[in-house]
Amino acid sequence: MTSHALHWLRAARLAAALAGAALLCTGCAVVAVADAAVTVGAVAVKTTAKAAGAVVGAVIPD
């Protein structure tokens, strides 16, 4: 192979490696966003349940 062909082969390998790394990072970002959404949903449900419990506790006498 000529040095010109080796240069392009190295460049292609580097581009493939960078593209693979970008795809992996994108996957991690998707998981992080999904995890954050689930956490927000869980906190909202927990807060609503606490508020409902407080209302029931205030309305129903002991």
PDB file of N, CA and C in Angstrom:
ATOM      1  N   MET A   1       0.828  -1.176   0.000  1.00  0.00           N
ATOM      2  CA  MET A   1       0.000   0.000   0.000  1.00  0.00           C
ATOM      3  C   MET A   1       0.876   1.244   0.000  1.00  0.00           C
ATOM      4  N   THR A   2       0.352   2.243  -0.611  1.00  0.00           N
ATOM      5  CA  THR A   2       1.091   3.508  -0.628  1.00  0.00           C
ATOM      6  C   THR A   2       0.828   4.272   0.663  1.00  0.00           C
ATOM      7  N   SER A   3       1.662   5.238   0.933  1.00  0.00           N
ATOM      8  CA  SER A   3       1.483   6.021   2.152  1.00  0.00           C
ATOM      9  C   SER A   3       0.167   6.814   2.108  1.00  0.00           C
ATOM     10  N   HIS A   4      -0.243   7.197   0.899  1.00  0.00           N
ATOM     11  CA  HIS A   4      -1.506   7.918   0.750  1.00  0.00           C
ATOM     12  C   HIS A   4      -2.682   7.020   1.142  1.00  0.00           C
ATOM     13  N   ALA A   5      -2.645   5.769   0.728  1.00  0.00           N
ATOM     14  CA  ALA A   5      -3.713   4.821   1.056  1.00  0.00           C
ATOM     15  C   ALA A   5      -3.723   4.525   2.557  1.00  0.00           C
ATOM     16  N   LEU A   6      -2.543   4.417   3.164  1.00  0.00           N
ATOM     17  CA  LEU A   6      -2.471   4.174   4.601  1.00  0.00           C
ATOM     18  C   LEU A   6      -3.041   5.356   5.388  1.00  0.00           C
ATOM     19  N   HIS A   7      -2.778   6.553   4.891  1.00  0.00           N
ATOM     20  CA  HIS A   7      -3.317   7.747   5.539  1.00  0.00           C
ATOM     21  C   HIS A   7      -4.843   7.702   5.550  1.00  0.00           C
ATOM     22  N   TRP A   8      -5.450   7.379   4.425  1.00  0.00           N
ATOM     23  CA  TRP A   8      -6.907   7.318   4.343  1.00  0.00           C
ATOM     24  C   TRP A   8      -7.472   6.171   5.167  1.00  0.00           C
ATOM     25  N   LEU A   9      -6.740   5.069   5.243  1.00  0.00           N
ATOM     26  CA  LEU A   9      -7.186   3.936   6.048  1.00  0.00           C
ATOM     27  C   LEU A   9      -7.191   4.318   7.537  1.00  0.00           C
ATOM     28  N   ARG A  10      -6.140   4.997   7.981  1.00  0.00           N
ATOM     29  CA  ARG A  10      -6.089   5.460   9.377  1.00  0.00           C
ATOM     30  C   ARG A  10      -7.214   6.466   9.655  1.00  0.00           C
ATOM     31  N   ALA A  11      -7.448   7.352   8.711  1.00  0.00           N
ATOM     32  CA  ALA A  11      -8.508   8.346   8.879  1.00  0.00           C
ATOM     33  C   ALA A  11      -9.877   7.661   8.957  1.00  0.00           C
ATOM     34  N   ALA A  12     -10.081   6.644   8.149  1.00  0.00           N
ATOM     35  CA  ALA A  12     -11.350   5.917   8.161  1.00  0.00           C
ATOM     36  C   ALA A  12     -11.535   5.180   9.479  1.00  0.00           C
ATOM     37  N   ARG A  13     -10.464   4.583   9.992  1.00  0.00           N
ATOM     38  CA  ARG A  13     -10.543   3.887  11.285  1.00  0.00           C
ATOM     39  C   ARG A  13     -10.858   4.872  12.407  1.00  0.00           C
ATOM     40  N   LEU A  14     -10.210   6.012  12.372  1.00  0.00           N
ATOM     41  CA  LEU A  14     -10.464   7.034  13.389  1.00  0.00           C
ATOM     42  C   LEU A  14     -11.910   7.521  13.318  1.00  0.00           C
ATOM     43  N   ALA A  15     -12.402   7.747  12.117  1.00  0.00           N
ATOM     44  CA  ALA A  15     -13.788   8.200  11.953  1.00  0.00           C
ATOM     45  C   ALA A  15     -14.764   7.145  12.466  1.00  0.00           C
ATOM     46  N   ALA A  16     -14.476   5.871  12.200  1.00  0.00           N
ATOM     47  CA  ALA A  16     -15.345   4.793  12.674  1.00  0.00           C
ATOM     48  C   ALA A  16     -15.323   4.713  14.196  1.00  0.00           C
ATOM     49  N   ALA A  17     -14.154   4.870  14.780  1.00  0.00           N
ATOM     50  CA  ALA A  17     -14.042   4.830  16.237  1.00  0.00           C
ATOM     51  C   ALA A  17     -14.791   6.006  16.873  1.00  0.00           C
ATOM     52  N   LEU A  18     -14.652   7.186  16.303  1.00  0.00           N
ATOM     53  CA  LEU A  18     -15.355   8.354  16.831  1.00  0.00           C
ATOM     54  C   LEU A  18     -16.864   8.212  16.675  1.00  0.00           C
ATOM     55  N   ALA A  19     -17.308   7.667  15.544  1.00  0.00           N
ATOM     56  CA  ALA A  19     -18.736   7.460  15.332  1.00  0.00           C
ATOM     57  C   ALA A  19     -19.287   6.454  16.345  1.00  0.00           C
ATOM     58  N   GLY A  20     -18.536   5.390  16.601  1.00  0.00           N
ATOM     59  CA  GLY A  20     -18.956   4.408  17.603  1.00  0.00           C
ATOM     60  C   GLY A  20     -19.039   5.019  18.988  1.00  0.00           C
ATOM     61  N   ALA A  21     -18.047   5.826  19.339  1.00  0.00           N
ATOM     62  CA  ALA A  21     -18.057   6.485  20.650  1.00  0.00           C
ATOM     63  C   ALA A  21     -19.238   7.448  20.758  1.00  0.00           C
ATOM     64  N   ALA A  22     -19.536   8.157  19.689  1.00  0.00           N
ATOM     65  CA  ALA A  22     -20.672   9.087  19.708  1.00  0.00           C
ATOM     66  C   ALA A  22     -21.982   8.332  19.896  1.00  0.00           C
ATOM     67  N   LEU A  23     -22.118   7.189  19.260  1.00  0.00           N
ATOM     68  CA  LEU A  23     -23.338   6.396  19.429  1.00  0.00           C
ATOM     69  C   LEU A  23     -23.476   5.889  20.855  1.00  0.00           C
ATOM     70  N   LEU A  24     -22.369   5.471  21.446  1.00  0.00           N
ATOM     71  CA  LEU A  24     -22.414   5.000  22.828  1.00  0.00           C
ATOM     72  C   LEU A  24     -22.786   6.135  23.776  1.00  0.00           C
ATOM     73  N   CYS A  25     -22.227   7.303  23.549  1.00  0.00           N
ATOM     74  CA  CYS A  25     -22.543   8.442  24.413  1.00  0.00           C
ATOM     75  C   CYS A  25     -23.996   8.853  24.246  1.00  0.00           C
ATOM     76  N   THR A  26     -24.511   8.771  23.044  1.00  0.00           N
ATOM     77  CA  THR A  26     -25.906   9.105  22.802  1.00  0.00           C
ATOM     78  C   THR A  26     -26.808   8.142  23.550  1.00  0.00           C
ATOM     79  N   GLY A  27     -26.453   6.872  23.545  1.00  0.00           N
ATOM     80  CA  GLY A  27     -27.224   5.878  24.285  1.00  0.00           C
ATOM     81  C   GLY A  27     -27.219   6.175  25.773  1.00  0.00           C
ATOM     82  N   CYS A  28     -26.076   6.562  26.292  1.00  0.00           N
ATOM     83  CA  CYS A  28     -25.979   6.913  27.713  1.00  0.00           C
ATOM     84  C   CYS A  28     -26.849   8.122  28.031  1.00  0.00           C
ATOM     85  N   ALA A  29     -26.860   9.077  27.128  1.00  0.00           N
ATOM     86  CA  ALA A  29     -27.669  10.275  27.348  1.00  0.00           C
ATOM     87  C   ALA A  29     -29.149   9.926  27.353  1.00  0.00           C
ATOM     88  N   VAL A  30     -29.560   9.023  26.480  1.00  0.00           N
ATOM     89  CA  VAL A  30     -30.966   8.612  26.436  1.00  0.00           C
ATOM     90  C   VAL A  30     -31.350   7.927  27.739  1.00  0.00           C
ATOM     91  N   VAL A  31     -30.470   7.073  28.242  1.00  0.00           N
ATOM     92  CA  VAL A  31     -30.741   6.384  29.508  1.00  0.00           C
ATOM     93  C   VAL A  31     -30.806   7.390  30.648  1.00  0.00           C
ATOM     94  N   ALA A  32     -29.912   8.370  30.640  1.00  0.00           N
ATOM     95  CA  ALA A  32     -29.905   9.382  31.704  1.00  0.00           C
ATOM     96  C   ALA A  32     -31.188  10.213  31.685  1.00  0.00           C
ATOM     97  N   VAL A  33     -31.639  10.586  30.501  1.00  0.00           N
ATOM     98  CA  VAL A  33     -32.880  11.368  30.396  1.00  0.00           C
ATOM     99  C   VAL A  33     -34.078  10.530  30.841  1.00  0.00           C
ATOM    100  N   ALA A  34     -34.117   9.283  30.434  1.00  0.00           N
ATOM    101  CA  ALA A  34     -35.218   8.411  30.843  1.00  0.00           C
ATOM    102  C   ALA A  34     -35.212   8.213  32.356  1.00  0.00           C
ATOM    103  N   ASP A  35     -34.025   8.036  32.928  1.00  0.00           N
ATOM    104  CA  ASP A  35     -33.907   7.875  34.372  1.00  0.00           C
ATOM    105  C   ASP A  35     -34.387   9.128  35.098  1.00  0.00           C
ATOM    106  N   ALA A  36     -34.024  10.283  34.585  1.00  0.00           N
ATOM    107  CA  ALA A  36     -34.459  11.541  35.198  1.00  0.00           C
ATOM    108  C   ALA A  36     -35.981  11.677  35.122  1.00  0.00           C
ATOM    109  N   ALA A  37     -36.571  11.282  34.007  1.00  0.00           N
ATOM    110  CA  ALA A  37     -38.028  11.368  33.855  1.00  0.00           C
ATOM    111  C   ALA A  37     -38.733  10.446  34.844  1.00  0.00           C
ATOM    112  N   VAL A  38     -38.209   9.254  35.024  1.00  0.00           N
ATOM    113  CA  VAL A  38     -38.802   8.317  35.980  1.00  0.00           C
ATOM    114  C   VAL A  38     -38.674   8.864  37.401  1.00  0.00           C
ATOM    115  N   THR A  39     -37.522   9.448  37.708  1.00  0.00           N
ATOM    116  CA  THR A  39     -37.323  10.022  39.042  1.00  0.00           C
ATOM    117  C   THR A  39     -38.297  11.156  39.296  1.00  0.00           C
ATOM    118  N   VAL A  40     -38.478  12.039  38.318  1.00  0.00           N
ATOM    119  CA  VAL A  40     -39.428  13.147  38.467  1.00  0.00           C
ATOM    120  C   VAL A  40     -40.835  12.607  38.662  1.00  0.00           C
ATOM    121  N   GLY A  41     -41.211  11.604  37.895  1.00  0.00           N
ATOM    122  CA  GLY A  41     -42.539  10.996  38.038  1.00  0.00           C
ATOM    123  C   GLY A  41     -42.727  10.371  39.406  1.00  0.00           C
ATOM    124  N   ALA A  42     -41.708   9.683  39.905  1.00  0.00           N
ATOM    125  CA  ALA A  42     -41.803   9.041  41.218  1.00  0.00           C
ATOM    126  C   ALA A  42     -41.929  10.085  42.323  1.00  0.00           C
ATOM    127  N   VAL A  43     -41.183  11.168  42.209  1.00  0.00           N
ATOM    128  CA  VAL A  43     -41.267  12.234  43.214  1.00  0.00           C
ATOM    129  C   VAL A  43     -42.647  12.882  43.179  1.00  0.00           C
ATOM    130  N   ALA A  44     -43.205  13.073  42.000  1.00  0.00           N
ATOM    131  CA  ALA A  44     -44.540  13.674  41.880  1.00  0.00           C
ATOM    132  C   ALA A  44     -45.597  12.778  42.529  1.00  0.00           C
ATOM    133  N   VAL A  45     -45.510  11.484  42.294  1.00  0.00           N
ATOM    134  CA  VAL A  45     -46.471  10.546  42.893  1.00  0.00           C
ATOM    135  C   VAL A  45     -46.308  10.533  44.408  1.00  0.00           C
ATOM    136  N   LYS A  46     -45.082  10.507  44.872  1.00  0.00           N
ATOM    137  CA  LYS A  46     -44.816  10.486  46.311  1.00  0.00           C
ATOM    138  C   LYS A  46     -45.356  11.753  46.990  1.00  0.00           C
ATOM    139  N   THR A  47     -45.120  12.901  46.363  1.00  0.00           N
ATOM    140  CA  THR A  47     -45.596  14.166  46.913  1.00  0.00           C
ATOM    141  C   THR A  47     -47.123  14.210  46.929  1.00  0.00           C
ATOM    142  N   THR A  48     -47.743  13.743  45.864  1.00  0.00           N
ATOM    143  CA  THR A  48     -49.209  13.712  45.797  1.00  0.00           C
ATOM    144  C   THR A  48     -49.774  12.789  46.866  1.00  0.00           C
ATOM    145  N   ALA A  49     -49.149  11.647  47.072  1.00  0.00           N
ATOM    146  CA  ALA A  49     -49.619  10.706  48.093  1.00  0.00           C
ATOM    147  C   ALA A  49     -49.487  11.312  49.486  1.00  0.00           C
ATOM    148  N   LYS A  50     -48.387  12.003  49.741  1.00  0.00           N
ATOM    149  CA  LYS A  50     -48.212  12.646  51.048  1.00  0.00           C
ATOM    150  C   LYS A  50     -49.265  13.732  51.262  1.00  0.00           C
ATOM    151  N   ALA A  51     -49.531  14.518  50.223  1.00  0.00           N
ATOM    152  CA  ALA A  51     -50.525  15.584  50.334  1.00  0.00           C
ATOM    153  C   ALA A  51     -51.914  14.997  50.564  1.00  0.00           C
ATOM    154  N   ALA A  52     -52.246  13.946  49.840  1.00  0.00           N
ATOM    155  CA  ALA A  52     -53.553  13.302  50.018  1.00  0.00           C
ATOM    156  C   ALA A  52     -53.662  12.718  51.418  1.00  0.00           C
ATOM    157  N   GLY A  53     -52.598  12.134  51.903  1.00  0.00           N
ATOM    158  CA  GLY A  53     -52.602  11.593  53.269  1.00  0.00           C
ATOM    159  C   GLY A  53     -52.786  12.678  54.305  1.00  0.00           C
ATOM    160  N   ALA A  54     -52.166  13.824  54.076  1.00  0.00           N
ATOM    161  CA  ALA A  54     -52.321  14.943  55.008  1.00  0.00           C
ATOM    162  C   ALA A  54     -53.749  15.457  55.005  1.00  0.00           C
ATOM    163  N   VAL A  55     -54.363  15.532  53.838  1.00  0.00           N
ATOM    164  CA  VAL A  55     -55.752  15.999  53.741  1.00  0.00           C
ATOM    165  C   VAL A  55     -56.676  15.020  54.450  1.00  0.00           C
ATOM    166  N   VAL A  56     -56.495  13.736  54.200  1.00  0.00           N
ATOM    167  CA  VAL A  56     -57.338  12.727  54.857  1.00  0.00           C
ATOM    168  C   VAL A  56     -57.134  12.779  56.353  1.00  0.00           C
ATOM    169  N   GLY A  57     -55.885  12.941  56.786  1.00  0.00           N
ATOM    170  CA  GLY A  57     -55.610  13.029  58.225  1.00  0.00           C
ATOM    171  C   GLY A  57     -56.252  14.255  58.851  1.00  0.00           C
ATOM    172  N   ALA A  58     -56.334  15.337  58.118  1.00  0.00           N
ATOM    173  CA  ALA A  58     -56.945  16.559  58.650  1.00  0.00           C
ATOM    174  C   ALA A  58     -58.465  16.475  58.675  1.00  0.00           C
ATOM    175  N   VAL A  59     -59.054  15.764  57.720  1.00  0.00           N
ATOM    176  CA  VAL A  59     -60.516  15.694  57.612  1.00  0.00           C
ATOM    177  C   VAL A  59     -61.098  14.668  58.570  1.00  0.00           C
ATOM    178  N   ILE A  60     -60.440  13.550  58.698  1.00  0.00           N
ATOM    179  CA  ILE A  60     -60.966  12.479  59.558  1.00  0.00           C
ATOM    180  C   ILE A  60     -60.412  12.672  60.978  1.00  0.00           C
ATOM    181  N   PRO A  61     -61.287  12.872  61.939  1.00  0.00           N
ATOM    182  CA  PRO A  61     -60.811  13.050  63.324  1.00  0.00           C
ATOM    183  C   PRO A  61     -60.333  11.734  63.912  1.00  0.00           C
ATOM    184  N   ASP A  62     -59.457  11.838  64.884  1.00  0.00           N
ATOM    185  CA  ASP A  62     -58.937  10.619  65.559  1.00  0.00           C
ATOM    186  C   ASP A  62     -59.917  10.037  66.497  1.00  0.00           C
TER     187      ASP A  62
END
